[in-house]
Amino acid sequence: MRKLRQIGRVLLSFILMFLVVALIGVIFMKEVLLNANDINNQLNDSEYYSQVEDSLAAKFKTLSLETSIPEDIFIVATTDRYGMQQLSIKNNEAAINYLTTADAKYTTETDRTMFEEPVTNYVKTYAAEHNQPFDEALQAQTDKIIGEATDIVASHTTLFNLKNVVDFPQFQKARNALHVISDHFYIVPVAFLAVSGLLVLLNRKRIHRSLIWIGSALVSGSAFVIIPATVALVLKLPQRITISADYINTALRTLALHYTQYFLVVGLVAFALGIASLVGYTLLSKAKRAQFRNRKSYASNGERA
């Protein structure tokens, strides 16, 4: 019976170790990775929006060369950084909502109105100065230019562009998996508490011994998180991410660094709890042994008397 209990303790502690990793992971997914507010806060504290403005200026310069409309017409229309940020925030929220809500439809917000008046007025003025009628053909050409400018802004305010992948069955399977994990998030913490409770139950005669099994699981489980996070930070892996545009690199590097730091901090918290459990077990064991020796000494003295 003792061997069975010992095997049960070892097995439950082993399971608890992986539940520690799973718990850290599901909390990360629920509260960090799929948290639009967290993403937007990280981007707001970085150089992301400054680099978006620089990239927009470069794109509008190219559009100006293609259309003969001064780039200032486009740039002035997008100088409202708050407006650009609000578009980005709404599009990030839309992407996260689509990933986490089963019946959601993926849509992005654009603001065509910011270009309609300045571009149309410029074309009308230019046409009048050159004795050209602002007819349907010129109106259609103007609308096309406005559309191109709007598309440029849309691409710069949509960090997670899911339009190209929403129709892929593989993506939808991954999205469904996210829904399942998100909807059944509570299973992992409940399982963690249940396994911890079973360890306490198996050590009910000497409850303090459950601390060594729980503490060992916390320490070893947190190591699976702390070690790779530490290696990533030491080697500066998040800062090495390179995709294409500077503003995209900044966004990905900022988020990757934030996520790595999350795992390190949460892993260290779990590690500290594990060490505290082991220290608690050691102190309680010493106290129990001292109490036992005192009782034995008292009984021995009593017999002599």
Protein backbone atom coordinates (compact mmCIF):
# COMPACT_ATOMS: atom_id res chain seq x y z
CA MET A 1 0.00 0.00 0.00
CA ARG A 2 2.86 2.35 0.81
CA LYS A 3 4.45 1.67 -2.58
CA LEU A 4 1.18 2.41 -4.34
CA ARG A 5 0.84 5.68 -2.47
CA GLN A 6 4.44 6.57 -3.30
CA ILE A 7 3.88 5.79 -6.97
CA GLY A 8 0.70 7.88 -6.83
CA ARG A 9 2.59 10.82 -5.35
CA VAL A 10 5.31 10.64 -8.01
CA LEU A 11 2.77 10.34 -10.83
CA LEU A 12 0.60 13.19 -9.54
CA SER A 13 3.63 15.43 -9.03
CA PHE A 14 4.73 14.65 -12.60
CA ILE A 15 1.26 15.54 -13.91
CA LEU A 16 1.22 18.69 -11.79
CA MET A 17 4.53 19.78 -13.35
CA PHE A 18 2.94 19.85 -16.81
CA LEU A 19 -0.19 21.49 -15.44
CA VAL A 20 2.02 24.33 -14.19
CA VAL A 21 3.26 24.86 -17.76
CA ALA A 22 -0.27 24.54 -19.14
CA LEU A 23 -1.62 27.02 -16.59
CA ILE A 24 1.03 29.59 -17.49
CA GLY A 25 0.25 29.00 -21.16
CA VAL A 26 -3.53 29.37 -20.98
CA ILE A 27 -3.25 32.48 -18.82
CA PHE A 28 -0.85 33.91 -21.40
CA MET A 29 -3.24 33.12 -24.25
CA LYS A 30 -6.31 34.43 -22.44
CA GLU A 31 -4.90 37.55 -20.77
CA VAL A 32 -1.97 38.56 -23.00
CA LEU A 33 -1.82 37.05 -26.49
CA LEU A 34 -5.55 37.45 -27.22
CA ASN A 35 -5.97 40.70 -25.30
CA ALA A 36 -6.45 43.62 -27.69
CA ASN A 37 -5.98 46.19 -24.91
CA ASP A 38 -2.62 44.69 -24.00
CA ILE A 39 -1.49 44.69 -27.65
CA ASN A 40 -2.59 48.29 -28.19
CA ASN A 41 -0.87 49.46 -25.00
CA GLN A 42 2.40 47.84 -26.07
CA LEU A 43 2.25 49.47 -29.51
CA ASN A 44 1.38 52.84 -28.00
CA ASP A 45 4.49 52.73 -25.79
CA SER A 46 6.80 51.95 -28.72
CA GLU A 47 7.97 53.79 -31.85
CA TYR A 48 5.34 51.98 -33.88
CA TYR A 49 3.13 54.94 -34.75
CA SER A 50 6.06 57.22 -35.56
CA GLN A 51 7.34 54.64 -38.00
CA VAL A 52 3.85 54.22 -39.46
CA GLU A 53 3.89 57.95 -40.25
CA ASP A 54 7.30 57.65 -41.91
CA SER A 55 6.15 54.70 -44.00
CA LEU A 56 2.96 56.51 -44.99
CA ALA A 57 5.00 59.52 -46.13
CA ALA A 58 7.15 57.26 -48.33
CA LYS A 59 4.10 55.55 -49.83
CA PHE A 60 2.37 58.85 -50.50
CA LYS A 61 5.49 60.16 -52.21
CA THR A 62 5.30 57.22 -54.60
CA LEU A 63 1.57 57.76 -55.10
CA SER A 64 2.28 61.44 -55.80
CA LEU A 65 4.74 60.52 -58.54
CA GLU A 66 2.18 58.17 -60.08
CA THR A 67 -0.77 60.59 -59.95
CA SER A 68 0.89 64.04 -60.13
CA ILE A 69 -1.02 65.05 -56.98
CA PRO A 70 1.34 66.70 -54.44
CA GLU A 71 2.25 64.35 -51.62
CA ASP A 72 1.37 67.08 -49.11
CA ILE A 73 -2.29 66.64 -50.06
CA PHE A 74 -2.14 63.06 -48.79
CA ILE A 75 0.20 63.66 -45.87
CA VAL A 76 -1.80 66.57 -44.42
CA ALA A 77 -4.92 64.39 -44.53
CA THR A 78 -3.22 61.81 -42.29
CA THR A 79 -1.41 64.10 -39.82
CA ASP A 80 -3.99 63.32 -37.13
CA ARG A 81 -1.98 60.68 -35.24
CA TYR A 82 -4.88 60.14 -32.84
CA GLY A 83 -7.11 59.27 -35.78
CA MET A 84 -4.54 56.82 -37.12
CA GLN A 85 -4.18 55.25 -33.69
CA GLN A 86 -7.93 54.86 -33.34
CA LEU A 87 -8.11 53.08 -36.69
CA SER A 88 -5.29 50.76 -35.62
CA ILE A 89 -6.90 50.10 -32.25
CA LYS A 90 -10.26 49.26 -33.81
CA ASN A 91 -8.67 46.97 -36.41
CA ASN A 92 -6.62 45.16 -33.76
CA GLU A 93 -9.75 44.71 -31.67
CA ALA A 94 -11.62 43.41 -34.74
CA ALA A 95 -8.89 40.83 -35.44
CA ILE A 96 -8.80 39.60 -31.83
CA ASN A 97 -12.59 39.52 -31.64
CA TYR A 98 -12.70 37.40 -34.80
CA LEU A 99 -10.16 34.97 -33.37
CA THR A 100 -11.95 34.60 -30.04
CA THR A 101 -15.63 34.81 -31.01
CA ALA A 102 -17.15 31.92 -32.92
CA ASP A 103 -19.87 33.83 -34.79
CA ALA A 104 -17.83 36.99 -35.45
CA LYS A 105 -17.15 38.23 -38.97
CA TYR A 106 -13.80 39.73 -39.87
CA THR A 107 -14.01 43.36 -40.94
CA THR A 108 -11.54 46.23 -40.92
CA GLU A 109 -12.25 49.93 -40.66
CA THR A 110 -11.00 52.46 -43.19
CA ASP A 111 -11.56 56.19 -43.44
CA ARG A 112 -12.04 57.25 -47.05
CA THR A 113 -13.47 60.62 -46.03
CA MET A 114 -10.07 61.97 -44.99
CA PHE A 115 -9.01 62.05 -48.67
CA GLU A 116 -12.27 62.82 -50.45
CA GLU A 117 -12.36 66.57 -49.88
CA PRO A 118 -8.67 67.51 -50.26
CA VAL A 119 -8.02 65.27 -53.29
CA THR A 120 -11.28 66.19 -55.03
CA ASN A 121 -10.73 69.92 -54.43
CA TYR A 122 -7.19 69.72 -55.78
CA VAL A 123 -8.29 67.88 -58.94
CA LYS A 124 -11.17 70.33 -59.50
CA THR A 125 -8.85 73.31 -59.07
CA TYR A 126 -6.26 71.77 -61.36
CA ALA A 127 -8.93 71.01 -63.98
CA ALA A 128 -10.33 74.56 -63.81
CA GLU A 129 -6.86 76.08 -64.18
CA HIS A 130 -6.26 73.99 -67.29
CA ASN A 131 -9.75 74.51 -68.72
CA GLN A 132 -10.69 70.86 -68.30
CA PRO A 133 -14.20 69.77 -67.29
CA PHE A 134 -14.58 67.76 -64.10
CA ASP A 135 -16.58 65.13 -65.93
CA GLU A 136 -17.43 61.54 -65.08
CA ALA A 137 -14.11 60.24 -66.40
CA LEU A 138 -12.11 62.62 -64.21
CA GLN A 139 -14.40 61.90 -61.28
CA ALA A 140 -13.78 58.17 -61.74
CA GLN A 141 -10.04 58.76 -61.91
CA THR A 142 -10.22 60.89 -58.76
CA ASP A 143 -12.21 58.18 -56.94
CA LYS A 144 -9.58 55.63 -57.94
CA ILE A 145 -6.80 57.79 -56.47
CA ILE A 146 -8.80 58.29 -53.26
CA GLY A 147 -9.26 54.52 -53.09
CA GLU A 148 -5.53 53.91 -53.51
CA ALA A 149 -4.71 56.40 -50.75
CA THR A 150 -7.33 54.80 -48.49
CA ASP A 151 -5.86 51.35 -49.16
CA ILE A 152 -2.42 52.62 -48.15
CA VAL A 153 -3.78 53.89 -44.84
CA ALA A 154 -5.74 50.67 -44.34
CA SER A 155 -2.61 48.55 -44.80
CA HIS A 156 -0.73 50.70 -42.28
CA THR A 157 -3.48 50.57 -39.65
CA THR A 158 -4.08 46.81 -39.91
CA LEU A 159 -1.32 44.98 -38.09
CA PHE A 160 -3.13 41.62 -38.21
CA ASN A 161 -4.46 41.38 -41.74
CA LEU A 162 -6.52 38.20 -41.73
CA LYS A 163 -8.23 38.76 -45.07
CA ASN A 164 -5.71 36.59 -46.90
CA VAL A 165 -6.16 33.59 -44.58
CA VAL A 166 -9.81 33.57 -43.45
CA ASP A 167 -10.81 31.33 -46.34
CA PHE A 168 -8.21 28.66 -45.62
CA PRO A 169 -9.65 25.60 -43.82
CA GLN A 170 -6.39 25.18 -41.86
CA PHE A 171 -6.77 28.68 -40.44
CA GLN A 172 -10.38 28.03 -39.48
CA LYS A 173 -9.34 24.82 -37.71
CA ALA A 174 -6.75 26.76 -35.73
CA ARG A 175 -9.37 29.43 -34.95
CA ASN A 176 -11.80 26.76 -33.74
CA ALA A 177 -9.07 25.35 -31.51
CA LEU A 178 -8.60 28.81 -29.99
CA HIS A 179 -12.34 28.98 -29.30
CA VAL A 180 -12.25 25.60 -27.55
CA ILE A 181 -9.27 26.58 -25.40
CA SER A 182 -10.76 29.97 -24.60
CA ASP A 183 -14.19 28.56 -23.75
CA HIS A 184 -12.75 25.78 -21.57
CA PHE A 185 -10.01 27.87 -19.98
CA TYR A 186 -11.20 26.96 -16.49
CA ILE A 187 -10.33 23.25 -16.94
CA VAL A 188 -6.59 23.82 -16.44
CA PRO A 189 -6.76 25.72 -13.11
CA VAL A 190 -9.42 23.28 -11.87
CA ALA A 191 -7.19 20.35 -12.82
CA PHE A 192 -4.23 22.04 -11.10
CA LEU A 193 -6.22 22.43 -7.88
CA ALA A 194 -7.63 18.90 -8.13
CA VAL A 195 -4.20 17.28 -8.53
CA SER A 196 -2.81 19.41 -5.70
CA GLY A 197 -5.75 18.31 -3.56
CA LEU A 198 -5.07 14.66 -4.35
CA LEU A 199 -1.45 15.11 -3.28
CA VAL A 200 -2.64 16.59 0.01
CA LEU A 201 -5.06 13.67 0.38
CA LEU A 202 -2.31 11.09 -0.19
CA ASN A 203 -0.28 12.83 2.53
CA ARG A 204 -3.19 13.37 4.90
CA LYS A 205 -1.39 11.68 7.79
CA ARG A 206 1.51 14.10 7.38
CA ILE A 207 0.02 16.92 5.35
CA HIS A 208 3.22 18.99 5.37
CA ARG A 209 4.81 16.34 3.13
CA SER A 210 2.47 17.37 0.30
CA LEU A 211 4.48 20.61 0.12
CA ILE A 212 7.55 18.80 -1.20
CA TRP A 213 5.56 17.22 -4.03
CA ILE A 214 3.72 20.42 -4.96
CA GLY A 215 6.87 22.50 -4.57
CA SER A 216 8.89 20.13 -6.76
CA ALA A 217 6.22 20.34 -9.48
CA LEU A 218 6.21 24.13 -9.35
CA VAL A 219 9.99 24.38 -9.52
CA SER A 220 10.42 21.88 -12.35
CA GLY A 221 7.38 23.16 -14.28
CA SER A 222 8.51 26.78 -14.08
CA ALA A 223 11.95 25.73 -15.38
CA PHE A 224 10.32 24.79 -18.70
CA VAL A 225 9.27 28.43 -18.99
CA ILE A 226 12.16 30.28 -17.33
CA ILE A 227 15.00 28.63 -19.26
CA PRO A 228 13.80 29.34 -22.83
CA ALA A 229 12.63 32.85 -21.85
CA THR A 230 16.01 33.60 -20.29
CA VAL A 231 17.88 32.24 -23.33
CA ALA A 232 15.71 34.35 -25.65
CA LEU A 233 16.40 37.50 -23.63
CA VAL A 234 20.14 36.84 -23.27
CA LEU A 235 20.50 36.19 -27.01
CA LYS A 236 18.16 39.13 -27.74
CA LEU A 237 16.05 36.97 -30.05
CA PRO A 238 12.97 39.27 -29.97
CA GLN A 239 15.10 42.17 -31.21
CA ARG A 240 16.38 40.10 -34.12
CA ILE A 241 12.98 39.64 -35.76
CA THR A 242 13.08 41.09 -39.26
CA ILE A 243 10.14 40.97 -41.65
CA SER A 244 9.86 43.92 -44.04
CA ALA A 245 8.69 47.40 -43.10
CA ASP A 246 10.24 49.07 -40.07
CA TYR A 247 6.91 49.66 -38.34
CA ILE A 248 5.97 45.97 -38.66
CA ASN A 249 9.38 44.94 -37.30
CA THR A 250 8.92 47.31 -34.36
CA ALA A 251 5.46 45.90 -33.61
CA LEU A 252 6.61 42.29 -33.74
CA ARG A 253 9.77 42.95 -31.75
CA THR A 254 7.86 44.90 -29.11
CA LEU A 255 5.23 42.19 -28.72
CA ALA A 256 7.80 39.36 -28.79
CA LEU A 257 9.84 41.06 -26.06
CA HIS A 258 6.70 41.66 -24.01
CA TYR A 259 5.64 38.03 -24.34
CA THR A 260 9.11 36.74 -23.44
CA GLN A 261 9.22 38.97 -20.36
CA TYR A 262 5.77 37.72 -19.36
CA PHE A 263 6.91 34.10 -19.42
CA LEU A 264 10.05 34.96 -17.47
CA VAL A 265 8.17 36.92 -14.77
CA VAL A 266 5.33 34.41 -14.39
CA GLY A 267 7.82 31.55 -14.44
CA LEU A 268 9.83 33.20 -11.68
CA VAL A 269 6.66 33.66 -9.61
CA ALA A 270 5.86 29.95 -9.98
CA PHE A 271 9.47 29.11 -9.15
CA ALA A 272 9.35 31.30 -6.03
CA LEU A 273 6.13 29.60 -4.91
CA GLY A 274 7.80 26.24 -5.43
CA ILE A 275 10.85 27.25 -3.39
CA ALA A 276 8.56 28.63 -0.68
CA SER A 277 6.74 25.27 -0.57
CA LEU A 278 10.02 23.38 -0.26
CA VAL A 279 11.27 25.73 2.45
CA GLY A 280 7.93 25.39 4.24
CA TYR A 281 8.26 21.61 4.08
CA THR A 282 11.79 21.78 5.51
CA LEU A 283 10.78 24.09 8.38
CA LEU A 284 7.69 22.06 9.24
CA SER A 285 9.71 18.83 9.13
CA LYS A 286 12.26 20.29 11.54
CA ALA A 287 9.49 21.46 13.82
CA LYS A 288 7.84 18.02 13.72
CA ARG A 289 11.15 16.29 14.50
CA ALA A 290 11.87 18.71 17.35
CA GLN A 291 8.39 18.14 18.71
CA PHE A 292 8.85 14.38 18.47
CA ARG A 293 12.23 14.55 20.30
CA ASN A 294 10.70 16.70 23.04
CA ARG A 295 7.87 14.25 23.53
CA LYS A 296 10.30 11.33 23.59
CA SER A 297 12.55 13.15 26.08
CA TYR A 298 9.55 14.03 28.24
CA ALA A 299 8.33 10.42 28.20
CA SER A 300 11.81 9.13 29.06
CA ASN A 301 12.14 11.55 31.98
CA GLY A 302 8.71 10.58 33.19
CA GLU A 303 9.60 6.89 33.24
CA ARG A 304 12.79 7.62 35.25
CA ALA A 305 10.84 9.64 37.75
